[in-house]
């Protein structure tokens, strides 16, 4: 029953399996890939679904401040809630990247609705490209 609720889809990026057919993926790993795809897609990139994605890419050249981190947190929360119905977003935290002044670490805790399993994901997001 869990696979019907979570679903199955093509492995992304596309790659053939050992027998030359397209690889499919299901379960928690497919949801993880979906989250990464949402976070790495800027709205407007998909022609047939122009609103799909996360608005953090509009913040790329902003200074690494508490206000920016709060804005990233809001954008991520809204995008995941809108585009991934198989999960409940439990928490989104945005931390400075430590030694790298131009990196933010987006930490996401989420629950898969089909089985109440809890997972986390850390997504590195780079701002001010080339800054040191």
N, C-alpha and C. Protein backbone atom coordinates (compact mmCIF):
# COMPACT_ATOMS: atom_id res chain seq x y z
N UNK A 1 0.82 -1.19 0.00
CA UNK A 1 0.00 0.00 0.00
C UNK A 1 0.86 1.26 0.00
N UNK A 2 2.01 1.21 0.68
CA UNK A 2 2.86 2.39 0.76
C UNK A 2 3.31 2.84 -0.62
N UNK A 3 3.68 1.93 -1.51
CA UNK A 3 4.16 2.31 -2.83
C UNK A 3 3.07 2.99 -3.65
N UNK A 4 1.80 2.61 -3.48
CA UNK A 4 0.72 3.28 -4.19
C UNK A 4 0.59 4.72 -3.73
N UNK A 5 0.76 4.97 -2.45
CA UNK A 5 0.62 6.32 -1.92
C UNK A 5 1.84 7.18 -2.24
N UNK A 6 3.02 6.61 -2.15
CA UNK A 6 4.23 7.38 -2.40
C UNK A 6 4.51 7.48 -3.89
N UNK A 7 4.28 6.41 -4.62
CA UNK A 7 4.45 6.44 -6.06
C UNK A 7 5.81 5.97 -6.52
N UNK A 8 5.94 5.94 -7.82
CA UNK A 8 7.16 5.49 -8.46
C UNK A 8 7.36 6.37 -9.68
N UNK A 9 8.59 6.71 -9.99
CA UNK A 9 8.86 7.56 -11.14
C UNK A 9 10.24 7.33 -11.68
N UNK A 10 10.55 8.04 -12.75
CA UNK A 10 11.86 7.92 -13.37
C UNK A 10 12.95 8.44 -12.45
N UNK A 11 14.06 7.75 -12.46
CA UNK A 11 15.24 8.21 -11.73
C UNK A 11 15.69 9.52 -12.37
N UNK A 12 16.07 10.48 -11.56
CA UNK A 12 16.52 11.76 -12.09
C UNK A 12 17.91 12.06 -11.57
N UNK A 13 18.86 12.41 -12.39
CA UNK A 13 18.76 12.54 -13.83
C UNK A 13 18.60 11.17 -14.49
N UNK A 14 18.01 11.19 -15.69
CA UNK A 14 17.73 9.95 -16.40
C UNK A 14 19.01 9.15 -16.60
N UNK A 15 18.90 7.84 -16.39
CA UNK A 15 20.03 6.96 -16.65
C UNK A 15 19.49 5.57 -16.89
N UNK A 16 20.16 4.82 -17.75
CA UNK A 16 19.68 3.46 -18.03
C UNK A 16 20.07 2.50 -16.92
N UNK A 17 19.26 1.45 -16.77
CA UNK A 17 19.60 0.39 -15.82
C UNK A 17 20.60 -0.55 -16.50
N UNK A 18 21.01 -1.60 -15.82
CA UNK A 18 22.00 -2.53 -16.36
C UNK A 18 21.49 -3.25 -17.61
N UNK A 19 20.18 -3.36 -17.77
CA UNK A 19 19.63 -4.02 -18.96
C UNK A 19 19.28 -3.03 -20.08
N UNK A 20 19.68 -1.77 -19.93
CA UNK A 20 19.48 -0.78 -20.97
C UNK A 20 18.16 -0.05 -20.93
N UNK A 21 17.29 -0.38 -19.99
CA UNK A 21 16.00 0.29 -19.86
C UNK A 21 16.14 1.48 -18.92
N UNK A 22 15.14 2.34 -18.93
CA UNK A 22 15.16 3.48 -18.01
C UNK A 22 15.02 3.00 -16.57
N UNK A 23 15.73 3.65 -15.66
CA UNK A 23 15.67 3.31 -14.24
C UNK A 23 14.49 4.00 -13.58
N UNK A 24 13.79 3.27 -12.74
CA UNK A 24 12.69 3.83 -11.96
C UNK A 24 13.06 3.79 -10.49
N UNK A 25 12.45 4.67 -9.73
CA UNK A 25 12.74 4.81 -8.33
C UNK A 25 11.44 5.03 -7.58
N UNK A 26 11.32 4.49 -6.39
CA UNK A 26 10.12 4.68 -5.59
C UNK A 26 10.47 4.91 -4.14
N UNK A 27 9.46 5.08 -3.33
CA UNK A 27 9.64 5.19 -1.89
C UNK A 27 10.25 6.51 -1.46
N UNK A 28 10.92 6.45 -0.32
CA UNK A 28 11.47 7.65 0.31
C UNK A 28 12.53 8.32 -0.56
N UNK A 29 13.29 7.54 -1.32
CA UNK A 29 14.32 8.13 -2.16
C UNK A 29 13.71 8.95 -3.29
N UNK A 30 12.58 8.53 -3.82
CA UNK A 30 11.90 9.29 -4.86
C UNK A 30 11.41 10.63 -4.30
N UNK A 31 10.92 10.62 -3.08
CA UNK A 31 10.48 11.86 -2.45
C UNK A 31 11.67 12.79 -2.23
N UNK A 32 12.79 12.24 -1.80
CA UNK A 32 14.01 13.03 -1.60
C UNK A 32 14.43 13.69 -2.91
N UNK A 33 14.40 12.94 -4.00
CA UNK A 33 14.74 13.51 -5.31
C UNK A 33 13.76 14.61 -5.70
N UNK A 34 12.50 14.43 -5.38
CA UNK A 34 11.49 15.44 -5.68
C UNK A 34 11.78 16.73 -4.92
N UNK A 35 12.18 16.62 -3.66
CA UNK A 35 12.51 17.80 -2.87
C UNK A 35 13.71 18.53 -3.47
N UNK A 36 14.73 17.78 -3.86
CA UNK A 36 15.91 18.40 -4.48
C UNK A 36 15.54 19.09 -5.79
N UNK A 37 14.65 18.49 -6.54
CA UNK A 37 14.22 19.08 -7.80
C UNK A 37 13.45 20.38 -7.57
N UNK A 38 12.58 20.39 -6.58
CA UNK A 38 11.84 21.62 -6.25
C UNK A 38 12.80 22.73 -5.85
N UNK A 39 13.76 22.41 -4.99
CA UNK A 39 14.69 23.41 -4.49
C UNK A 39 15.63 23.92 -5.58
N UNK A 40 15.97 23.09 -6.53
CA UNK A 40 16.94 23.50 -7.56
C UNK A 40 16.29 24.11 -8.80
N UNK A 41 14.97 24.19 -8.82
CA UNK A 41 14.26 24.76 -9.97
C UNK A 41 13.74 26.16 -9.62
N UNK A 42 14.09 27.12 -10.43
CA UNK A 42 13.58 28.48 -10.24
C UNK A 42 12.24 28.61 -10.95
N UNK A 43 11.28 29.31 -10.34
CA UNK A 43 10.00 29.53 -11.04
C UNK A 43 10.26 30.16 -12.41
N UNK A 44 9.54 29.64 -13.40
CA UNK A 44 9.71 30.11 -14.76
C UNK A 44 10.57 29.20 -15.62
N UNK A 45 11.32 28.30 -15.01
CA UNK A 45 12.18 27.39 -15.78
C UNK A 45 11.39 26.34 -16.54
N UNK A 46 10.29 25.89 -16.01
CA UNK A 46 9.49 24.86 -16.67
C UNK A 46 8.40 25.52 -17.49
N UNK A 47 8.46 25.31 -18.79
CA UNK A 47 7.54 25.96 -19.71
C UNK A 47 6.09 25.59 -19.44
N UNK A 48 5.83 24.32 -19.22
CA UNK A 48 4.45 23.87 -19.04
C UNK A 48 3.92 24.07 -17.61
N UNK A 49 4.81 24.38 -16.69
CA UNK A 49 4.42 24.60 -15.30
C UNK A 49 5.27 25.75 -14.76
N UNK A 50 5.02 26.98 -15.20
CA UNK A 50 5.93 28.09 -14.91
C UNK A 50 6.01 28.49 -13.44
N UNK A 51 5.05 28.14 -12.62
CA UNK A 51 5.10 28.50 -11.21
C UNK A 51 5.86 27.48 -10.37
N UNK A 52 6.20 26.32 -10.96
CA UNK A 52 6.87 25.25 -10.23
C UNK A 52 8.27 25.68 -9.81
N UNK A 53 8.67 25.31 -8.62
CA UNK A 53 10.02 25.57 -8.14
C UNK A 53 10.01 26.35 -6.84
N UNK A 54 11.19 26.85 -6.51
CA UNK A 54 11.38 27.57 -5.26
C UNK A 54 12.00 28.93 -5.56
N UNK A 55 11.49 29.97 -4.95
CA UNK A 55 11.91 31.33 -5.22
C UNK A 55 13.25 31.74 -4.64
N UNK A 56 14.01 30.82 -4.07
CA UNK A 56 15.29 31.20 -3.47
C UNK A 56 16.28 31.70 -4.50
N UNK A 57 16.10 31.32 -5.76
CA UNK A 57 17.05 31.73 -6.79
C UNK A 57 16.99 33.22 -7.08
N UNK A 58 15.89 33.85 -6.71
CA UNK A 58 15.79 35.31 -6.84
C UNK A 58 16.64 36.03 -5.80
N UNK A 59 17.08 35.31 -4.78
CA UNK A 59 17.85 35.89 -3.68
C UNK A 59 19.35 35.65 -3.83
N UNK A 60 19.76 35.17 -4.97
CA UNK A 60 21.13 34.73 -5.20
C UNK A 60 22.19 35.78 -4.89
N UNK A 61 21.91 37.04 -5.18
CA UNK A 61 22.93 38.07 -5.02
C UNK A 61 22.71 38.95 -3.79
N UNK A 62 21.93 38.47 -2.84
CA UNK A 62 21.71 39.20 -1.60
C UNK A 62 22.85 38.93 -0.61
N UNK A 63 23.02 39.84 0.33
CA UNK A 63 24.03 39.67 1.37
C UNK A 63 23.57 38.60 2.36
N UNK A 64 24.52 37.87 2.91
CA UNK A 64 24.24 36.79 3.85
C UNK A 64 23.91 37.38 5.23
N UNK A 65 22.65 37.73 5.41
CA UNK A 65 22.19 38.34 6.65
C UNK A 65 21.08 37.49 7.26
N UNK A 66 20.68 37.86 8.46
CA UNK A 66 19.58 37.15 9.12
C UNK A 66 18.27 37.34 8.33
N UNK A 67 18.10 38.51 7.74
CA UNK A 67 16.89 38.77 6.94
C UNK A 67 16.86 37.87 5.71
N UNK A 68 18.00 37.67 5.06
CA UNK A 68 18.06 36.79 3.90
C UNK A 68 17.73 35.35 4.32
N UNK A 69 18.31 34.90 5.42
CA UNK A 69 18.06 33.53 5.88
C UNK A 69 16.59 33.32 6.22
N UNK A 70 15.94 34.32 6.80
CA UNK A 70 14.51 34.22 7.09
C UNK A 70 13.70 34.16 5.79
N UNK A 71 14.10 34.93 4.81
CA UNK A 71 13.41 34.91 3.52
C UNK A 71 13.58 33.56 2.82
N UNK A 72 14.77 33.00 2.86
CA UNK A 72 15.02 31.67 2.29
C UNK A 72 14.17 30.63 3.00
N UNK A 73 14.11 30.72 4.31
CA UNK A 73 13.31 29.77 5.10
C UNK A 73 11.84 29.82 4.66
N UNK A 74 11.30 31.00 4.50
CA UNK A 74 9.91 31.16 4.08
C UNK A 74 9.69 30.61 2.68
N UNK A 75 10.58 30.95 1.76
CA UNK A 75 10.46 30.48 0.37
C UNK A 75 10.49 28.96 0.30
N UNK A 76 11.39 28.33 1.04
CA UNK A 76 11.51 26.87 1.02
C UNK A 76 10.26 26.24 1.62
N UNK A 77 9.81 26.72 2.75
CA UNK A 77 8.61 26.19 3.41
C UNK A 77 7.41 26.25 2.47
N UNK A 78 7.21 27.40 1.82
CA UNK A 78 6.07 27.57 0.92
C UNK A 78 6.17 26.67 -0.31
N UNK A 79 7.35 26.57 -0.89
CA UNK A 79 7.52 25.76 -2.10
C UNK A 79 7.30 24.28 -1.82
N UNK A 80 7.86 23.78 -0.73
CA UNK A 80 7.70 22.36 -0.41
C UNK A 80 6.26 22.03 -0.03
N UNK A 81 5.62 22.93 0.68
CA UNK A 81 4.21 22.71 1.04
C UNK A 81 3.33 22.70 -0.20
N UNK A 82 3.64 23.55 -1.15
CA UNK A 82 2.82 23.64 -2.36
C UNK A 82 3.07 22.48 -3.33
N UNK A 83 4.32 22.11 -3.54
CA UNK A 83 4.64 21.21 -4.63
C UNK A 83 4.89 19.76 -4.23
N UNK A 84 4.96 19.44 -2.95
CA UNK A 84 5.19 18.05 -2.56
C UNK A 84 4.12 17.60 -1.57
N UNK A 85 2.97 17.11 -2.09
CA UNK A 85 1.84 16.74 -1.23
C UNK A 85 2.05 15.45 -0.43
N UNK A 86 3.12 14.71 -0.72
CA UNK A 86 3.35 13.44 -0.02
C UNK A 86 4.02 13.62 1.33
N UNK A 87 4.38 14.88 1.67
CA UNK A 87 5.09 15.11 2.93
C UNK A 87 4.42 16.22 3.74
N UNK A 88 4.76 16.23 5.03
CA UNK A 88 4.49 17.36 5.91
C UNK A 88 5.83 17.96 6.26
N UNK A 89 6.01 19.23 6.01
CA UNK A 89 7.26 19.90 6.36
C UNK A 89 7.21 20.20 7.85
N UNK A 90 8.12 19.62 8.61
CA UNK A 90 8.13 19.79 10.05
C UNK A 90 8.94 21.01 10.48
N UNK A 91 10.07 21.22 9.80
CA UNK A 91 10.94 22.33 10.19
C UNK A 91 11.87 22.68 9.04
N UNK A 92 12.11 23.96 8.87
CA UNK A 92 13.11 24.45 7.92
C UNK A 92 14.00 25.41 8.67
N UNK A 93 15.29 25.13 8.65
CA UNK A 93 16.28 26.01 9.28
C UNK A 93 17.29 26.41 8.21
N UNK A 94 17.74 27.64 8.25
CA UNK A 94 18.76 28.11 7.32
C UNK A 94 19.91 28.64 8.14
N UNK A 95 21.07 27.99 7.97
CA UNK A 95 22.27 28.34 8.74
C UNK A 95 23.35 28.86 7.81
N UNK A 96 24.22 29.76 8.32
CA UNK A 96 25.37 30.16 7.52
C UNK A 96 26.23 28.94 7.24
N UNK A 97 26.98 28.97 6.17
CA UNK A 97 27.75 27.81 5.74
C UNK A 97 29.08 27.61 6.43
N UNK A 98 29.31 28.24 7.56
CA UNK A 98 30.58 28.04 8.27
C UNK A 98 31.70 28.83 7.63
N UNK A 99 32.72 28.13 7.14
CA UNK A 99 33.90 28.78 6.56
C UNK A 99 33.58 29.53 5.28
N UNK A 100 32.57 29.08 4.56
CA UNK A 100 32.22 29.72 3.29
C UNK A 100 31.19 30.81 3.52
N UNK A 101 31.60 32.06 3.31
CA UNK A 101 30.69 33.19 3.56
C UNK A 101 29.55 33.25 2.57
N UNK A 102 29.71 32.58 1.42
CA UNK A 102 28.67 32.65 0.39
C UNK A 102 27.79 31.40 0.36
N UNK A 103 27.81 30.62 1.42
CA UNK A 103 27.01 29.39 1.46
C UNK A 103 25.99 29.44 2.58
N UNK A 104 24.79 28.97 2.27
CA UNK A 104 23.75 28.75 3.27
C UNK A 104 23.45 27.26 3.30
N UNK A 105 23.21 26.72 4.46
CA UNK A 105 22.80 25.32 4.59
C UNK A 105 21.33 25.31 4.97
N UNK A 106 20.51 24.81 4.06
CA UNK A 106 19.07 24.72 4.29
C UNK A 106 18.78 23.33 4.84
N UNK A 107 18.35 23.27 6.09
CA UNK A 107 18.09 22.00 6.77
C UNK A 107 16.57 21.80 6.86
N UNK A 108 16.11 20.69 6.30
CA UNK A 108 14.68 20.43 6.20
C UNK A 108 14.36 19.12 6.91
N UNK A 109 13.43 19.17 7.85
CA UNK A 109 12.90 17.97 8.49
C UNK A 109 11.49 17.78 7.95
N UNK A 110 11.19 16.56 7.50
CA UNK A 110 9.88 16.29 6.92
C UNK A 110 9.39 14.89 7.27
N UNK A 111 8.07 14.74 7.21
CA UNK A 111 7.44 13.45 7.51
C UNK A 111 6.70 12.99 6.25
N UNK A 112 6.91 11.72 5.89
CA UNK A 112 6.19 11.13 4.77
C UNK A 112 4.80 10.76 5.27
N UNK A 113 3.78 11.29 4.66
CA UNK A 113 2.41 11.10 5.12
C UNK A 113 1.95 9.64 5.05
N UNK A 114 2.45 8.89 4.07
CA UNK A 114 1.99 7.51 3.88
C UNK A 114 2.33 6.59 5.03
N UNK A 115 3.46 6.85 5.69
CA UNK A 115 3.89 5.92 6.75
C UNK A 115 4.43 6.62 8.00
N UNK A 116 4.34 7.94 8.06
CA UNK A 116 4.80 8.73 9.20
C UNK A 116 6.30 8.62 9.47
N UNK A 117 7.07 8.19 8.50
CA UNK A 117 8.53 8.16 8.65
C UNK A 117 9.07 9.58 8.57
N UNK A 118 10.05 9.87 9.41
CA UNK A 118 10.63 11.21 9.46
C UNK A 118 12.02 11.16 8.83
N UNK A 119 12.28 12.15 7.97
CA UNK A 119 13.56 12.25 7.27
C UNK A 119 14.06 13.68 7.37
N UNK A 120 15.34 13.87 7.03
CA UNK A 120 15.87 15.23 6.93
C UNK A 120 16.72 15.34 5.68
N UNK A 121 16.91 16.56 5.26
CA UNK A 121 17.66 16.85 4.05
C UNK A 121 18.43 18.14 4.29
N UNK A 122 19.69 18.16 3.89
CA UNK A 122 20.49 19.38 3.95
C UNK A 122 20.81 19.78 2.52
N UNK A 123 20.40 20.98 2.15
CA UNK A 123 20.59 21.48 0.79
C UNK A 123 21.53 22.68 0.85
N UNK A 124 22.72 22.57 0.26
CA UNK A 124 23.63 23.73 0.24
C UNK A 124 23.19 24.72 -0.84
N UNK A 125 23.12 25.97 -0.48
CA UNK A 125 22.70 27.02 -1.41
C UNK A 125 23.76 28.11 -1.40
N UNK A 126 24.31 28.41 -2.56
CA UNK A 126 25.39 29.38 -2.67
C UNK A 126 24.84 30.73 -3.14
N UNK A 127 25.23 31.79 -2.44
CA UNK A 127 24.82 33.14 -2.78
C UNK A 127 26.06 33.94 -3.17
N UNK A 128 25.85 35.11 -3.79
CA UNK A 128 26.99 35.98 -4.16
C UNK A 128 28.11 35.17 -4.78
N UNK A 129 27.83 34.53 -5.89
CA UNK A 129 28.83 33.67 -6.54
C UNK A 129 30.18 34.34 -6.61
N UNK A 130 31.20 33.64 -6.20
CA UNK A 130 32.57 34.14 -6.25
C UNK A 130 32.98 34.92 -5.02
N UNK A 131 32.09 35.14 -4.06
CA UNK A 131 32.45 35.88 -2.85
C UNK A 131 33.33 35.04 -1.95
N UNK A 132 34.15 35.68 -1.18
CA UNK A 132 35.04 34.96 -0.25
C UNK A 132 34.90 35.53 1.14
